[in-house]
Amino acid sequence: MKVAALFSGGKDSVFSIYIAKQWGWDISHLVTVYPENKDSWMFHSINIHLTEKLSEAINIPLIRKQTKGKKEEELNDLKEILKDLDINGVISGAIASEYQRTRIEKICHEIGIKSFTPIWHKNQELILREQINAGFEIIIVGVFAYGFDETWLGKTINGKTINDIQQLKKKYSINTAGEGGEFETLTLNGPIFRKKLILDKISKEWKRDNGILKVIRSHLEGN
């Protein structure tokens, strides 16, 4: 199976690539569609500039395209990329978002390829634990829900972090894996990485009840 992978650099897009590789699939390209004004119904924007370095770290070619982020219209930008690729399908890191999954499936149907969602409807706590048990190094770079404060920005996801998130789930009914937009992540290293992403300079922006960690300067380290 030859596929492209929708890629943000976050934990779920990276983990879906890892699973597809475990299946023995050929991932020909990473695809990043990024909104010019940081607002999008479909695509991530936090630290999206790092997908170029992460593509090098994972050693899979990257295709990047900017979108205006307008609802429904932004899907055409993704379609324009996928229709020109010699692939059987596309994989994405959707877990529970029907909005995302159905729209990707619609595009794939229109151009005659398949849509694959390796972690669709998996237990969200289990997904997080599988990601860290597999050896991925993941940090939180955005928080947007009750219970999170500025101290969460830059936290590494580990066993304790997952337990803390589970407590927030009980109190505020958040999604454990952040599928409702509660938090955003960045993957720094893992079993499919040939190089590790090192953050040299960051900044944190906090606005009353939400915040983001911006990576200002970074480099790759390793063979």
N, C-alpha and C. Protein backbone atom coordinates (compact mmCIF):
# COMPACT_ATOMS: atom_id res chain seq x y z
N MET A 1 0.85 -1.19 0.00
CA MET A 1 0.00 0.00 0.00
C MET A 1 0.89 1.24 0.00
N LYS A 2 0.67 2.12 -0.95
CA LYS A 2 1.43 3.37 -1.04
C LYS A 2 0.52 4.52 -0.65
N VAL A 3 0.91 5.26 0.38
CA VAL A 3 0.03 6.30 0.91
C VAL A 3 0.81 7.58 1.19
N ALA A 4 0.05 8.67 1.30
CA ALA A 4 0.56 9.93 1.84
C ALA A 4 0.00 10.06 3.25
N ALA A 5 0.62 10.89 4.07
CA ALA A 5 0.18 11.06 5.46
C ALA A 5 -0.04 12.54 5.75
N LEU A 6 -1.23 12.87 6.25
CA LEU A 6 -1.46 14.23 6.71
C LEU A 6 -0.59 14.45 7.94
N PHE A 7 0.12 15.58 7.98
CA PHE A 7 1.19 15.73 8.96
C PHE A 7 1.20 17.12 9.58
N SER A 8 1.11 17.16 10.92
CA SER A 8 1.19 18.43 11.65
C SER A 8 2.40 18.48 12.58
N GLY A 9 3.00 17.32 12.84
CA GLY A 9 4.07 17.25 13.82
C GLY A 9 3.55 16.92 15.21
N GLY A 10 2.23 16.87 15.36
CA GLY A 10 1.63 16.49 16.63
C GLY A 10 1.64 14.98 16.83
N LYS A 11 1.29 14.56 18.04
CA LYS A 11 1.42 13.16 18.42
C LYS A 11 0.62 12.20 17.56
N ASP A 12 -0.60 12.58 17.18
CA ASP A 12 -1.48 11.64 16.50
C ASP A 12 -1.12 11.45 15.03
N SER A 13 -0.70 12.50 14.36
CA SER A 13 -0.27 12.34 12.97
C SER A 13 1.01 11.51 12.91
N VAL A 14 1.91 11.75 13.86
CA VAL A 14 3.16 10.98 13.90
C VAL A 14 2.89 9.52 14.25
N PHE A 15 2.03 9.28 15.21
CA PHE A 15 1.76 7.90 15.64
C PHE A 15 1.05 7.11 14.54
N SER A 16 0.22 7.79 13.75
CA SER A 16 -0.45 7.11 12.65
C SER A 16 0.56 6.68 11.59
N ILE A 17 1.58 7.49 11.38
CA ILE A 17 2.66 7.12 10.46
C ILE A 17 3.40 5.90 10.99
N TYR A 18 3.67 5.91 12.28
CA TYR A 18 4.35 4.78 12.94
C TYR A 18 3.55 3.48 12.74
N ILE A 19 2.24 3.54 12.93
CA ILE A 19 1.40 2.36 12.77
C ILE A 19 1.42 1.87 11.33
N ALA A 20 1.30 2.81 10.39
CA ALA A 20 1.31 2.43 8.97
C ALA A 20 2.63 1.76 8.59
N LYS A 21 3.71 2.24 9.16
CA LYS A 21 5.00 1.61 8.91
C LYS A 21 5.04 0.20 9.50
N GLN A 22 4.40 0.01 10.65
CA GLN A 22 4.31 -1.32 11.24
C GLN A 22 3.54 -2.28 10.33
N TRP A 23 2.61 -1.75 9.58
CA TRP A 23 1.85 -2.56 8.63
C TRP A 23 2.66 -2.87 7.38
N GLY A 24 3.80 -2.21 7.23
CA GLY A 24 4.63 -2.41 6.05
C GLY A 24 4.27 -1.52 4.88
N TRP A 25 3.47 -0.48 5.13
CA TRP A 25 3.06 0.42 4.06
C TRP A 25 4.18 1.38 3.67
N ASP A 26 4.15 1.79 2.41
CA ASP A 26 5.10 2.77 1.87
C ASP A 26 4.49 4.16 1.99
N ILE A 27 5.08 5.00 2.82
CA ILE A 27 4.60 6.38 2.97
C ILE A 27 5.45 7.27 2.08
N SER A 28 4.88 7.68 0.96
CA SER A 28 5.65 8.40 -0.05
C SER A 28 5.86 9.86 0.29
N HIS A 29 4.86 10.47 0.94
CA HIS A 29 4.92 11.90 1.24
C HIS A 29 4.22 12.21 2.56
N LEU A 30 4.71 13.25 3.23
CA LEU A 30 3.98 13.92 4.30
C LEU A 30 3.29 15.13 3.68
N VAL A 31 2.09 15.43 4.13
CA VAL A 31 1.33 16.55 3.56
C VAL A 31 0.92 17.49 4.69
N THR A 32 1.36 18.73 4.59
CA THR A 32 1.01 19.76 5.57
C THR A 32 0.25 20.88 4.88
N VAL A 33 -0.99 21.07 5.28
CA VAL A 33 -1.77 22.23 4.83
C VAL A 33 -1.91 23.15 6.04
N TYR A 34 -1.47 24.39 5.88
CA TYR A 34 -1.44 25.28 7.04
C TYR A 34 -2.20 26.58 6.75
N PRO A 35 -2.99 27.05 7.71
CA PRO A 35 -3.80 28.26 7.52
C PRO A 35 -2.96 29.53 7.61
N GLU A 36 -3.20 30.45 6.70
CA GLU A 36 -2.41 31.69 6.68
C GLU A 36 -2.75 32.60 7.86
N ASN A 37 -3.95 32.50 8.41
CA ASN A 37 -4.35 33.39 9.51
C ASN A 37 -4.46 32.65 10.85
N LYS A 38 -3.92 31.41 10.89
CA LYS A 38 -3.89 30.58 12.10
C LYS A 38 -5.24 29.99 12.49
N ASP A 39 -6.30 30.32 11.74
CA ASP A 39 -7.61 29.77 12.05
C ASP A 39 -8.02 28.79 10.96
N SER A 40 -8.43 27.61 11.37
CA SER A 40 -8.83 26.59 10.41
C SER A 40 -9.78 25.62 11.08
N TRP A 41 -10.73 25.11 10.30
CA TRP A 41 -11.64 24.08 10.78
C TRP A 41 -11.02 22.70 10.74
N MET A 42 -9.99 22.56 9.91
CA MET A 42 -9.43 21.24 9.64
C MET A 42 -7.97 21.06 10.06
N PHE A 43 -7.19 22.13 9.98
CA PHE A 43 -5.74 21.97 10.04
C PHE A 43 -5.12 22.72 11.22
N HIS A 44 -4.07 22.13 11.77
CA HIS A 44 -3.35 22.72 12.90
C HIS A 44 -2.47 23.88 12.45
N SER A 45 -2.16 24.76 13.39
CA SER A 45 -1.30 25.90 13.04
C SER A 45 -0.15 26.11 14.03
N ILE A 46 -0.27 25.64 15.27
CA ILE A 46 0.76 25.90 16.27
C ILE A 46 2.06 25.20 15.88
N ASN A 47 3.12 25.98 15.71
CA ASN A 47 4.45 25.48 15.35
C ASN A 47 4.45 24.66 14.06
N ILE A 48 3.53 24.99 13.17
CA ILE A 48 3.42 24.23 11.92
C ILE A 48 4.65 24.43 11.04
N HIS A 49 5.41 25.50 11.29
CA HIS A 49 6.64 25.73 10.52
C HIS A 49 7.67 24.63 10.76
N LEU A 50 7.52 23.87 11.85
CA LEU A 50 8.50 22.83 12.18
C LEU A 50 8.31 21.55 11.37
N THR A 51 7.25 21.47 10.57
CA THR A 51 7.05 20.24 9.80
C THR A 51 8.18 20.01 8.80
N GLU A 52 8.82 21.06 8.35
CA GLU A 52 9.95 20.89 7.42
C GLU A 52 11.10 20.16 8.10
N LYS A 53 11.45 20.59 9.30
CA LYS A 53 12.53 19.91 10.02
C LYS A 53 12.12 18.51 10.45
N LEU A 54 10.87 18.36 10.85
CA LEU A 54 10.42 17.03 11.26
C LEU A 54 10.37 16.07 10.08
N SER A 55 10.07 16.59 8.91
CA SER A 55 10.11 15.77 7.70
C SER A 55 11.52 15.24 7.46
N GLU A 56 12.49 16.11 7.65
CA GLU A 56 13.89 15.68 7.53
C GLU A 56 14.24 14.66 8.61
N ALA A 57 13.74 14.89 9.83
CA ALA A 57 14.03 13.98 10.93
C ALA A 57 13.46 12.58 10.68
N ILE A 58 12.28 12.53 10.07
CA ILE A 58 11.62 11.25 9.79
C ILE A 58 12.08 10.67 8.46
N ASN A 59 12.65 11.53 7.62
CA ASN A 59 13.19 11.13 6.32
C ASN A 59 12.08 10.71 5.34
N ILE A 60 11.02 11.52 5.30
CA ILE A 60 9.96 11.35 4.31
C ILE A 60 9.72 12.72 3.69
N PRO A 61 9.67 12.82 2.35
CA PRO A 61 9.47 14.12 1.69
C PRO A 61 8.18 14.80 2.13
N LEU A 62 8.24 16.13 2.20
CA LEU A 62 7.10 16.93 2.66
C LEU A 62 6.56 17.80 1.54
N ILE A 63 5.23 17.86 1.46
CA ILE A 63 4.55 18.82 0.59
C ILE A 63 3.78 19.77 1.49
N ARG A 64 4.04 21.07 1.34
CA ARG A 64 3.36 22.08 2.15
C ARG A 64 2.52 22.98 1.25
N LYS A 65 1.35 23.35 1.75
CA LYS A 65 0.48 24.27 1.00
C LYS A 65 -0.28 25.15 1.97
N GLN A 66 -0.32 26.43 1.68
CA GLN A 66 -1.06 27.36 2.52
C GLN A 66 -2.53 27.40 2.13
N THR A 67 -3.39 27.59 3.13
CA THR A 67 -4.82 27.72 2.88
C THR A 67 -5.34 28.94 3.61
N LYS A 68 -6.41 29.50 3.09
CA LYS A 68 -7.03 30.66 3.74
C LYS A 68 -7.82 30.24 4.98
N GLY A 69 -8.04 28.93 5.14
CA GLY A 69 -8.70 28.42 6.34
C GLY A 69 -10.20 28.60 6.36
N LYS A 70 -10.81 28.86 5.18
CA LYS A 70 -12.26 29.04 5.13
C LYS A 70 -12.95 27.68 5.16
N LYS A 71 -14.00 27.60 5.96
CA LYS A 71 -14.71 26.34 6.14
C LYS A 71 -15.11 25.75 4.79
N GLU A 72 -14.88 24.46 4.62
CA GLU A 72 -15.15 23.69 3.41
C GLU A 72 -14.20 24.04 2.27
N GLU A 73 -13.99 25.33 1.99
CA GLU A 73 -13.13 25.72 0.89
C GLU A 73 -11.69 25.24 1.08
N GLU A 74 -11.24 25.18 2.35
CA GLU A 74 -9.87 24.76 2.62
C GLU A 74 -9.62 23.31 2.21
N LEU A 75 -10.69 22.53 2.08
CA LEU A 75 -10.55 21.15 1.67
C LEU A 75 -10.05 21.03 0.23
N ASN A 76 -10.38 22.03 -0.58
CA ASN A 76 -9.91 22.01 -1.97
C ASN A 76 -8.39 22.10 -2.06
N ASP A 77 -7.79 22.80 -1.09
CA ASP A 77 -6.33 22.91 -1.08
C ASP A 77 -5.69 21.54 -0.83
N LEU A 78 -6.29 20.77 0.06
CA LEU A 78 -5.80 19.41 0.31
C LEU A 78 -6.04 18.53 -0.91
N LYS A 79 -7.19 18.67 -1.52
CA LYS A 79 -7.53 17.87 -2.70
C LYS A 79 -6.54 18.13 -3.84
N GLU A 80 -6.15 19.38 -4.02
CA GLU A 80 -5.22 19.73 -5.09
C GLU A 80 -3.88 19.02 -4.94
N ILE A 81 -3.46 18.83 -3.69
CA ILE A 81 -2.20 18.12 -3.45
C ILE A 81 -2.37 16.63 -3.73
N LEU A 82 -3.38 16.04 -3.14
CA LEU A 82 -3.54 14.59 -3.18
C LEU A 82 -3.82 14.06 -4.59
N LYS A 83 -4.54 14.82 -5.41
CA LYS A 83 -4.92 14.32 -6.73
C LYS A 83 -3.73 14.15 -7.67
N ASP A 84 -2.63 14.82 -7.36
CA ASP A 84 -1.45 14.75 -8.23
C ASP A 84 -0.42 13.72 -7.74
N LEU A 85 -0.71 13.04 -6.63
CA LEU A 85 0.23 12.07 -6.09
C LEU A 85 -0.09 10.65 -6.56
N ASP A 86 0.94 9.87 -6.78
CA ASP A 86 0.77 8.47 -7.18
C ASP A 86 0.64 7.61 -5.93
N ILE A 87 -0.56 7.60 -5.35
CA ILE A 87 -0.80 6.91 -4.08
C ILE A 87 -2.11 6.13 -4.14
N ASN A 88 -2.22 5.15 -3.24
CA ASN A 88 -3.46 4.39 -3.10
C ASN A 88 -4.40 5.01 -2.07
N GLY A 89 -3.83 5.81 -1.17
CA GLY A 89 -4.66 6.39 -0.12
C GLY A 89 -3.91 7.40 0.72
N VAL A 90 -4.59 7.91 1.73
CA VAL A 90 -4.01 8.88 2.64
C VAL A 90 -4.36 8.49 4.07
N ILE A 91 -3.42 8.66 4.98
CA ILE A 91 -3.67 8.36 6.39
C ILE A 91 -3.73 9.65 7.19
N SER A 92 -4.54 9.64 8.25
CA SER A 92 -4.66 10.81 9.11
C SER A 92 -4.76 10.35 10.56
N GLY A 93 -4.52 11.28 11.47
CA GLY A 93 -4.50 10.95 12.89
C GLY A 93 -5.80 11.22 13.61
N ALA A 94 -6.91 11.23 12.88
CA ALA A 94 -8.22 11.48 13.51
C ALA A 94 -8.54 10.37 14.51
N ILE A 95 -9.07 10.77 15.66
CA ILE A 95 -9.48 9.81 16.69
C ILE A 95 -11.00 9.78 16.84
N ALA A 96 -11.60 10.96 16.92
CA ALA A 96 -13.04 11.00 17.17
C ALA A 96 -13.77 12.09 16.39
N SER A 97 -13.04 12.89 15.63
CA SER A 97 -13.66 14.00 14.92
C SER A 97 -14.34 13.53 13.63
N GLU A 98 -15.68 13.46 13.68
CA GLU A 98 -16.44 13.09 12.48
C GLU A 98 -16.27 14.15 11.40
N TYR A 99 -16.16 15.41 11.81
CA TYR A 99 -15.98 16.49 10.85
C TYR A 99 -14.74 16.23 10.00
N GLN A 100 -13.62 15.94 10.66
CA GLN A 100 -12.38 15.72 9.94
C GLN A 100 -12.45 14.45 9.10
N ARG A 101 -12.89 13.37 9.71
CA ARG A 101 -12.86 12.08 9.01
C ARG A 101 -13.75 12.08 7.77
N THR A 102 -14.98 12.58 7.90
CA THR A 102 -15.91 12.52 6.77
C THR A 102 -15.46 13.40 5.62
N ARG A 103 -14.83 14.51 5.92
CA ARG A 103 -14.39 15.40 4.85
C ARG A 103 -13.17 14.85 4.12
N ILE A 104 -12.28 14.21 4.85
CA ILE A 104 -11.15 13.56 4.19
C ILE A 104 -11.66 12.41 3.31
N GLU A 105 -12.63 11.66 3.82
CA GLU A 105 -13.20 10.56 3.04
C GLU A 105 -13.87 11.07 1.76
N LYS A 106 -14.52 12.22 1.85
CA LYS A 106 -15.18 12.81 0.68
C LYS A 106 -14.15 13.16 -0.39
N ILE A 107 -13.05 13.78 0.02
CA ILE A 107 -12.00 14.12 -0.92
C ILE A 107 -11.44 12.87 -1.58
N CYS A 108 -11.16 11.88 -0.77
CA CYS A 108 -10.59 10.63 -1.28
C CYS A 108 -11.53 9.96 -2.27
N HIS A 109 -12.81 9.97 -1.97
CA HIS A 109 -13.80 9.38 -2.89
C HIS A 109 -13.79 10.11 -4.23
N GLU A 110 -13.68 11.42 -4.18
CA GLU A 110 -13.72 12.22 -5.40
C GLU A 110 -12.52 11.96 -6.31
N ILE A 111 -11.37 11.63 -5.73
CA ILE A 111 -10.16 11.43 -6.55
C ILE A 111 -9.77 9.96 -6.66
N GLY A 112 -10.59 9.08 -6.10
CA GLY A 112 -10.40 7.65 -6.31
C GLY A 112 -9.32 7.00 -5.47
N ILE A 113 -9.13 7.49 -4.24
CA ILE A 113 -8.19 6.84 -3.33
C ILE A 113 -8.90 6.54 -2.02
N LYS A 114 -8.22 5.87 -1.11
CA LYS A 114 -8.82 5.46 0.16
C LYS A 114 -8.35 6.35 1.31
N SER A 115 -9.19 6.48 2.32
CA SER A 115 -8.83 7.20 3.55
C SER A 115 -8.64 6.19 4.67
N PHE A 116 -7.51 6.32 5.38
CA PHE A 116 -7.20 5.40 6.47
C PHE A 116 -6.97 6.20 7.75
N THR A 117 -7.60 5.75 8.85
CA THR A 117 -7.45 6.41 10.15
C THR A 117 -7.03 5.35 11.17
N PRO A 118 -5.72 5.13 11.33
CA PRO A 118 -5.21 4.02 12.15
C PRO A 118 -5.62 4.05 13.62
N ILE A 119 -5.93 5.24 14.16
CA ILE A 119 -6.27 5.30 15.59
C ILE A 119 -7.71 5.73 15.82
N TRP A 120 -8.54 5.59 14.79
CA TRP A 120 -9.94 6.00 14.88
C TRP A 120 -10.69 5.22 15.96
N HIS A 121 -11.32 5.95 16.87
CA HIS A 121 -12.15 5.42 17.95
C HIS A 121 -11.40 4.48 18.90
N LYS A 122 -10.08 4.62 18.96
CA LYS A 122 -9.32 3.86 19.95
C LYS A 122 -9.47 4.55 21.31
N ASN A 123 -9.30 3.79 22.38
CA ASN A 123 -9.34 4.35 23.72
C ASN A 123 -8.27 5.43 23.85
N GLN A 124 -8.68 6.64 24.24
CA GLN A 124 -7.76 7.77 24.18
C GLN A 124 -6.64 7.69 25.22
N GLU A 125 -6.95 7.18 26.39
CA GLU A 125 -5.88 6.99 27.38
C GLU A 125 -4.89 5.95 26.88
N LEU A 126 -5.40 4.88 26.30
CA LEU A 126 -4.53 3.83 25.78
C LEU A 126 -3.63 4.34 24.66
N ILE A 127 -4.18 5.20 23.80
CA ILE A 127 -3.37 5.78 22.72
C ILE A 127 -2.17 6.53 23.30
N LEU A 128 -2.42 7.38 24.30
CA LEU A 128 -1.32 8.14 24.91
C LEU A 128 -0.27 7.20 25.51
N ARG A 129 -0.73 6.18 26.20
CA ARG A 129 0.22 5.25 26.84
C ARG A 129 0.99 4.46 25.78
N GLU A 130 0.34 4.10 24.70
CA GLU A 130 1.03 3.39 23.62
C GLU A 130 2.07 4.28 22.97
N GLN A 131 1.76 5.56 22.84
CA GLN A 131 2.70 6.49 22.22
C GLN A 131 3.98 6.63 23.05
N ILE A 132 3.83 6.77 24.36
CA ILE A 132 5.05 6.91 25.17
C ILE A 132 5.76 5.57 25.35
N ASN A 133 5.00 4.48 25.40
CA ASN A 133 5.63 3.16 25.52
C ASN A 133 6.41 2.79 24.26
N ALA A 134 5.97 3.32 23.12
CA ALA A 134 6.69 3.08 21.86
C ALA A 134 7.98 3.87 21.79
N GLY A 135 8.12 4.88 22.66
CA GLY A 135 9.36 5.65 22.70
C GLY A 135 9.26 7.04 22.11
N PHE A 136 8.05 7.54 21.89
CA PHE A 136 7.91 8.89 21.36
C PHE A 136 8.09 9.92 22.47
N GLU A 137 8.78 10.98 22.14
CA GLU A 137 8.97 12.11 23.05
C GLU A 137 8.05 13.24 22.59
N ILE A 138 7.05 13.53 23.41
CA ILE A 138 5.98 14.45 23.02
C ILE A 138 5.83 15.52 24.09
N ILE A 139 5.71 16.78 23.67
CA ILE A 139 5.46 17.86 24.63
C ILE A 139 4.15 18.57 24.28
N ILE A 140 3.59 19.21 25.29
CA ILE A 140 2.36 19.99 25.11
C ILE A 140 2.74 21.42 24.74
N VAL A 141 2.16 21.91 23.62
CA VAL A 141 2.52 23.25 23.14
C VAL A 141 1.32 24.19 23.07
N GLY A 142 0.16 23.72 23.49
CA GLY A 142 -1.01 24.59 23.53
C GLY A 142 -2.06 24.01 24.45
N VAL A 143 -2.68 24.86 25.28
CA VAL A 143 -3.77 24.40 26.16
C VAL A 143 -4.94 25.36 26.04
N PHE A 144 -6.16 24.79 25.94
CA PHE A 144 -7.33 25.60 25.62
C PHE A 144 -8.59 25.14 26.35
N ALA A 145 -8.43 24.60 27.56
CA ALA A 145 -9.61 24.09 28.27
C ALA A 145 -9.46 24.31 29.77
N TYR A 146 -10.58 24.27 30.49
CA TYR A 146 -10.57 24.40 31.94
C TYR A 146 -9.68 23.33 32.56
N GLY A 147 -8.95 23.73 33.60
CA GLY A 147 -8.09 22.80 34.31
C GLY A 147 -6.63 22.93 33.94
N PHE A 148 -6.38 23.40 32.72
CA PHE A 148 -5.00 23.61 32.30
C PHE A 148 -4.55 25.02 32.67
N ASP A 149 -3.30 25.14 33.08
CA ASP A 149 -2.73 26.47 33.32
C ASP A 149 -1.39 26.56 32.60
N GLU A 150 -0.69 27.66 32.82
CA GLU A 150 0.55 27.92 32.09
C GLU A 150 1.63 26.86 32.34
N THR A 151 1.57 26.19 33.49
CA THR A 151 2.60 25.19 33.80
C THR A 151 2.54 23.99 32.87
N TRP A 152 1.42 23.82 32.16
CA TRP A 152 1.30 22.69 31.23
C TRP A 152 2.09 22.92 29.95
N LEU A 153 2.37 24.16 29.62
CA LEU A 153 3.09 24.44 28.38
C LEU A 153 4.52 23.93 28.47
N GLY A 154 4.87 23.05 27.57
CA GLY A 154 6.22 22.47 27.55
C GLY A 154 6.33 21.16 28.31
N LYS A 155 5.24 20.72 28.97
CA LYS A 155 5.27 19.46 29.70
C LYS A 155 5.47 18.28 28.76
N THR A 156 6.32 17.35 29.17
CA THR A 156 6.47 16.10 28.44
C THR A 156 5.33 15.17 28.81
N ILE A 157 4.76 14.51 27.82
CA ILE A 157 3.71 13.53 28.11
C ILE A 157 4.36 12.24 28.58
N ASN A 158 4.09 11.88 29.83
CA ASN A 158 4.59 10.64 30.43
C ASN A 158 3.48 10.05 31.29
N GLY A 159 3.79 9.02 32.04
CA GLY A 159 2.77 8.37 32.85
C GLY A 159 2.08 9.32 33.81
N LYS A 160 2.84 10.17 34.48
CA LYS A 160 2.25 11.12 35.43
C LYS A 160 1.36 12.13 34.71
N THR A 161 1.84 12.62 33.57
CA THR A 161 1.05 13.59 32.82
C THR A 161 -0.29 13.00 32.41
N ILE A 162 -0.25 11.75 31.96
CA ILE A 162 -1.49 11.09 31.54
C ILE A 162 -2.45 10.93 32.72
N ASN A 163 -1.90 10.58 33.88
CA ASN A 163 -2.74 10.46 35.08
C ASN A 163 -3.38 11.80 35.44
N ASP A 164 -2.59 12.88 35.31
CA ASP A 164 -3.12 14.22 35.59
C ASP A 164 -4.22 14.60 34.60
N ILE A 165 -4.02 14.25 33.33
CA ILE A 165 -5.04 14.54 32.32
C ILE A 165 -6.31 13.75 32.62
N GLN A 166 -6.16 12.54 33.08
CA GLN A 166 -7.32 11.72 33.44
C GLN A 166 -8.12 12.36 34.58
N GLN A 167 -7.42 12.98 35.51
CA GLN A 167 -8.11 13.69 36.59
C GLN A 167 -8.89 14.88 36.06
N LEU A 168 -8.31 15.58 35.08
CA LEU A 168 -9.02 16.70 34.46
C LEU A 168 -10.23 16.20 33.68
N LYS A 169 -10.10 15.03 33.09
CA LYS A 169 -11.23 14.44 32.37
C LYS A 169 -12.40 14.20 33.32
N LYS A 170 -12.10 13.65 34.50
CA LYS A 170 -13.15 13.38 35.47
C LYS A 170 -13.82 14.66 35.95
N LYS A 171 -13.04 15.71 36.07
CA LYS A 171 -13.57 16.96 36.61
C LYS A 171 -14.25 17.83 35.56
N TYR A 172 -13.65 17.87 34.34
CA TYR A 172 -14.15 18.80 33.32
C TYR A 172 -14.66 18.12 32.05
N SER A 173 -14.61 16.78 32.01
CA SER A 173 -15.08 16.01 30.85
C SER A 173 -14.32 16.32 29.56
N ILE A 174 -13.03 16.54 29.68
CA ILE A 174 -12.22 16.77 28.49
C ILE A 174 -11.89 15.44 27.82
N ASN A 175 -11.41 15.53 26.58
CA ASN A 175 -10.91 14.35 25.88
C ASN A 175 -9.49 14.07 26.34
N THR A 176 -9.20 12.84 26.72
CA THR A 176 -7.88 12.50 27.25
C THR A 176 -6.77 12.79 26.25
N ALA A 177 -7.04 12.55 24.97
CA ALA A 177 -6.02 12.76 23.94
C ALA A 177 -6.10 14.15 23.32
N GLY A 178 -6.95 15.02 23.87
CA GLY A 178 -7.05 16.38 23.34
C GLY A 178 -7.80 16.47 22.03
N GLU A 179 -8.59 15.46 21.72
CA GLU A 179 -9.27 15.41 20.43
C GLU A 179 -10.31 16.51 20.28
N GLY A 180 -10.76 17.07 21.39
CA GLY A 180 -11.72 18.17 21.33
C GLY A 180 -11.05 19.53 21.26
N GLY A 181 -9.73 19.54 21.02
CA GLY A 181 -9.00 20.80 20.94
C GLY A 181 -8.53 21.31 22.28
N GLU A 182 -8.59 20.45 23.32
CA GLU A 182 -8.21 20.87 24.66
C GLU A 182 -6.72 21.19 24.78
N PHE A 183 -5.91 20.43 24.04
CA PHE A 183 -4.47 20.72 24.04
C PHE A 183 -3.84 20.28 22.72
N GLU A 184 -2.70 20.89 22.40
CA GLU A 184 -1.95 20.58 21.18
C GLU A 184 -0.57 20.08 21.57
N THR A 185 0.01 19.27 20.70
CA THR A 185 1.30 18.65 21.03
C THR A 185 2.31 18.83 19.90
N LEU A 186 3.56 18.54 20.25
CA LEU A 186 4.66 18.53 19.29
C LEU A 186 5.52 17.31 19.58
N THR A 187 5.85 16.55 18.56
CA THR A 187 6.67 15.35 18.72
C THR A 187 8.12 15.68 18.42
N LEU A 188 9.00 15.40 19.37
CA LEU A 188 10.41 15.76 19.24
C LEU A 188 11.28 14.59 18.78
N ASN A 189 10.85 13.38 19.09
CA ASN A 189 11.70 12.22 18.80
C ASN A 189 10.84 10.95 18.89
N GLY A 190 11.37 9.86 18.37
CA GLY A 190 10.64 8.61 18.45
C GLY A 190 11.25 7.54 17.57
N PRO A 191 10.66 6.36 17.55
CA PRO A 191 11.24 5.23 16.84
C PRO A 191 11.30 5.38 15.32
N ILE A 192 10.53 6.29 14.74
CA ILE A 192 10.61 6.50 13.29
C ILE A 192 11.50 7.70 12.95
N PHE A 193 12.10 8.32 13.97
CA PHE A 193 12.95 9.49 13.77
C PHE A 193 14.41 9.08 13.56
N ARG A 194 15.04 9.68 12.58
CA ARG A 194 16.48 9.51 12.39
C ARG A 194 17.26 10.59 13.13
N LYS A 195 16.58 11.70 13.38
CA LYS A 195 17.18 12.80 14.13
C LYS A 195 16.17 13.32 15.14
N LYS A 196 16.66 13.93 16.21
CA LYS A 196 15.80 14.49 17.24
C LYS A 196 15.69 16.00 17.05
N LEU A 197 14.48 16.52 17.27
CA LEU A 197 14.27 17.96 17.22
C LEU A 197 14.64 18.57 18.57
N ILE A 198 15.60 19.48 18.56
CA ILE A 198 16.05 20.17 19.77
C ILE A 198 15.51 21.60 19.74
N LEU A 199 14.87 21.99 20.82
CA LEU A 199 14.32 23.34 20.90
C LEU A 199 15.35 24.27 21.55
N ASP A 200 15.83 25.24 20.79
CA ASP A 200 16.87 26.15 21.28
C ASP A 200 16.29 27.40 21.94
N LYS A 201 15.17 27.86 21.41
CA LYS A 201 14.56 29.06 21.98
C LYS A 201 13.05 28.97 21.83
N ILE A 202 12.35 29.20 22.94
CA ILE A 202 10.90 29.15 22.94
C ILE A 202 10.32 30.40 23.60
N SER A 203 9.06 30.62 23.38
CA SER A 203 8.35 31.68 24.11
C SER A 203 6.97 31.15 24.48
N LYS A 204 6.45 31.60 25.63
CA LYS A 204 5.13 31.18 26.07
C LYS A 204 4.21 32.40 26.10
N GLU A 205 3.04 32.21 25.53
CA GLU A 205 2.04 33.28 25.51
C GLU A 205 0.80 32.80 26.26
N TRP A 206 0.43 33.52 27.32
CA TRP A 206 -0.72 33.12 28.12
C TRP A 206 -1.77 34.21 28.11
N LYS A 207 -3.02 33.83 27.85
CA LYS A 207 -4.12 34.78 27.79
C LYS A 207 -5.26 34.33 28.70
N ARG A 208 -5.18 34.66 29.94
CA ARG A 208 -6.21 34.40 30.93
C ARG A 208 -6.48 32.93 31.20
N ASP A 209 -6.95 32.18 30.18
CA ASP A 209 -7.29 30.78 30.42
C ASP A 209 -6.80 29.84 29.31
N ASN A 210 -5.91 30.34 28.46
CA ASN A 210 -5.35 29.50 27.42
C ASN A 210 -3.98 30.03 27.02
N GLY A 211 -3.19 29.19 26.39
CA GLY A 211 -1.86 29.65 26.01
C GLY A 211 -1.19 28.71 25.03
N ILE A 212 -0.11 29.21 24.42
CA ILE A 212 0.66 28.41 23.49
C ILE A 212 2.16 28.57 23.76
N LEU A 213 2.89 27.55 23.39
CA LEU A 213 4.35 27.57 23.43
C LEU A 213 4.83 27.66 21.99
N LYS A 214 5.52 28.74 21.65
CA LYS A 214 6.04 28.92 20.30
C LYS A 214 7.52 28.55 20.26
N VAL A 215 7.89 27.78 19.25
CA VAL A 215 9.29 27.46 19.04
C VAL A 215 9.89 28.49 18.10
N ILE A 216 10.83 29.27 18.62
CA ILE A 216 11.43 30.35 17.84
C ILE A 216 12.67 29.86 17.08
N ARG A 217 13.45 29.02 17.74
CA ARG A 217 14.65 28.49 17.08
C ARG A 217 14.85 27.04 17.50
N SER A 218 15.25 26.21 16.54
CA SER A 218 15.43 24.79 16.81
C SER A 218 16.46 24.22 15.84
N HIS A 219 16.90 23.00 16.14
CA HIS A 219 17.79 22.30 15.21
C HIS A 219 17.61 20.80 15.38
N LEU A 220 18.12 20.05 14.42
CA LEU A 220 18.06 18.60 14.47
C LEU A 220 19.40 18.05 14.95
N GLU A 221 19.32 17.00 15.74
CA GLU A 221 20.52 16.39 16.31
C GLU A 221 20.48 14.89 16.10
N GLY A 222 21.57 14.32 15.64
CA GLY A 222 21.62 12.88 15.46
C GLY A 222 22.28 12.52 14.15
N ASN A 223 22.28 11.24 13.83
CA ASN A 223 22.96 10.75 12.63
C ASN A 223 22.18 11.12 11.37
